[in-house]
Amino acid sequence: MLAPDPERMTNRKGNRFGGVAMVQKRSQISRIGIEDAKRRRKELVFVDARSATSLARDPSQVSGAIHVPLKELDKQIKLLPHDRALVTYCS
């Protein structure tokens, strides 16, 4: 079981990843703020949706995040854990 650590939601330059992320649970999509993601981290799965090129340029990730490029997300969604909400981020 993954244990992502939203406390590490910064890149190598110390910039925080985007202020909100999208959460998907049971076909519902909503926004979640970083502080809420920190509080709920045990019930969330973080998905880094950056391209391979972007990830190579800055390999910083939320601890425990799964990398699935956005353009592949619809093909790979069935392979992701379904027991927790998914939080995607790409910056």
Protein backbone atom coordinates (compact mmCIF):
# COMPACT_ATOMS: atom_id res chain seq x y z
CA MET A 1 0.00 0.00 0.00
CA LEU A 2 1.36 3.42 -0.93
CA ALA A 3 1.93 6.08 1.68
CA PRO A 4 2.33 9.34 -0.24
CA ASP A 5 3.74 12.28 1.65
CA PRO A 6 2.13 15.57 0.51
CA GLU A 7 4.55 17.41 2.80
CA ARG A 8 7.07 16.90 -0.02
CA MET A 9 4.89 18.56 -2.67
CA THR A 10 7.76 20.70 -3.95
CA ASN A 11 10.12 20.41 -6.90
CA ARG A 12 13.93 20.60 -6.84
CA LYS A 13 13.79 24.39 -6.90
CA GLY A 14 11.64 24.47 -3.77
CA ASN A 15 8.49 25.54 -5.65
CA ARG A 16 5.28 23.95 -4.49
CA PHE A 17 3.40 21.79 -6.97
CA GLY A 18 0.15 23.32 -8.22
CA GLY A 19 -2.21 24.70 -5.60
CA VAL A 20 -4.96 22.22 -6.30
CA ALA A 21 -5.17 18.72 -7.65
CA MET A 22 -8.01 16.78 -9.15
CA VAL A 23 -9.43 13.90 -7.15
CA GLN A 24 -11.29 11.08 -8.83
CA LYS A 25 -13.34 8.64 -6.84
CA ARG A 26 -16.11 6.46 -8.19
CA SER A 27 -16.33 8.42 -11.43
CA GLN A 28 -16.58 11.75 -9.60
CA ILE A 29 -14.06 14.51 -10.16
CA SER A 30 -13.55 17.41 -7.80
CA ARG A 31 -10.77 19.75 -6.73
CA ILE A 32 -8.75 19.35 -3.56
CA GLY A 33 -6.35 21.83 -1.99
CA ILE A 34 -2.88 20.92 -0.80
CA GLU A 35 -3.80 21.27 2.88
CA ASP A 36 -6.77 18.92 2.46
CA ALA A 37 -4.55 16.46 0.56
CA LYS A 38 -2.10 16.51 3.49
CA ARG A 39 -4.88 15.73 5.96
CA ARG A 40 -6.30 12.94 3.79
CA ARG A 41 -3.01 11.46 2.49
CA LYS A 42 -3.67 7.94 3.79
CA GLU A 43 -6.87 7.69 1.77
CA LEU A 44 -5.40 9.09 -1.47
CA VAL A 45 -3.20 7.81 -4.31
CA PHE A 46 -1.07 10.49 -5.99
CA VAL A 47 -0.63 10.22 -9.77
CA ASP A 48 2.09 12.31 -11.43
CA ALA A 49 0.55 13.04 -14.84
CA ARG A 50 3.56 14.87 -16.33
CA SER A 51 5.06 13.76 -19.62
CA ALA A 52 8.21 11.62 -19.54
CA THR A 53 10.16 14.63 -20.84
CA SER A 54 8.87 16.88 -18.08
CA LEU A 55 9.58 14.24 -15.44
CA ALA A 56 13.15 13.79 -16.75
CA ARG A 57 13.67 17.56 -16.59
CA ASP A 58 12.50 17.68 -12.95
CA PRO A 59 12.25 14.23 -11.36
CA SER A 60 10.80 15.55 -8.07
CA GLN A 61 7.60 13.75 -7.13
CA VAL A 62 5.24 13.47 -4.21
CA SER A 63 6.66 10.57 -2.19
CA GLY A 64 4.94 7.35 -3.30
CA ALA A 65 3.35 8.91 -6.41
CA ILE A 66 2.72 6.75 -9.45
CA HIS A 67 3.87 8.20 -12.79
CA VAL A 68 1.27 7.93 -15.59
CA PRO A 69 1.54 10.59 -18.32
CA LEU A 70 -1.74 12.44 -18.86
CA LYS A 71 -2.06 11.25 -22.46
CA GLU A 72 -1.90 7.64 -21.21
CA LEU A 73 -4.14 8.05 -18.18
CA ASP A 74 -7.34 6.87 -19.86
CA LYS A 75 -5.56 3.67 -21.01
CA GLN A 76 -3.87 3.02 -17.65
CA ILE A 77 -6.68 4.00 -15.27
CA LYS A 78 -7.76 0.38 -14.74
CA LEU A 79 -4.25 -0.51 -13.54
CA LEU A 80 -4.31 2.10 -10.74
CA PRO A 81 -5.51 1.29 -7.21
CA HIS A 82 -9.29 1.53 -6.83
CA ASP A 83 -9.50 1.37 -3.05
CA ARG A 84 -8.60 5.04 -2.60
CA ALA A 85 -9.29 8.33 -4.38
CA LEU A 86 -6.83 9.34 -7.11
CA VAL A 87 -5.14 12.74 -7.01
CA THR A 88 -3.51 13.77 -10.26
CA TYR A 89 -0.96 16.55 -10.57
CA CYS A 90 1.20 17.75 -13.44
CA SER A 91 3.25 20.73 -12.32
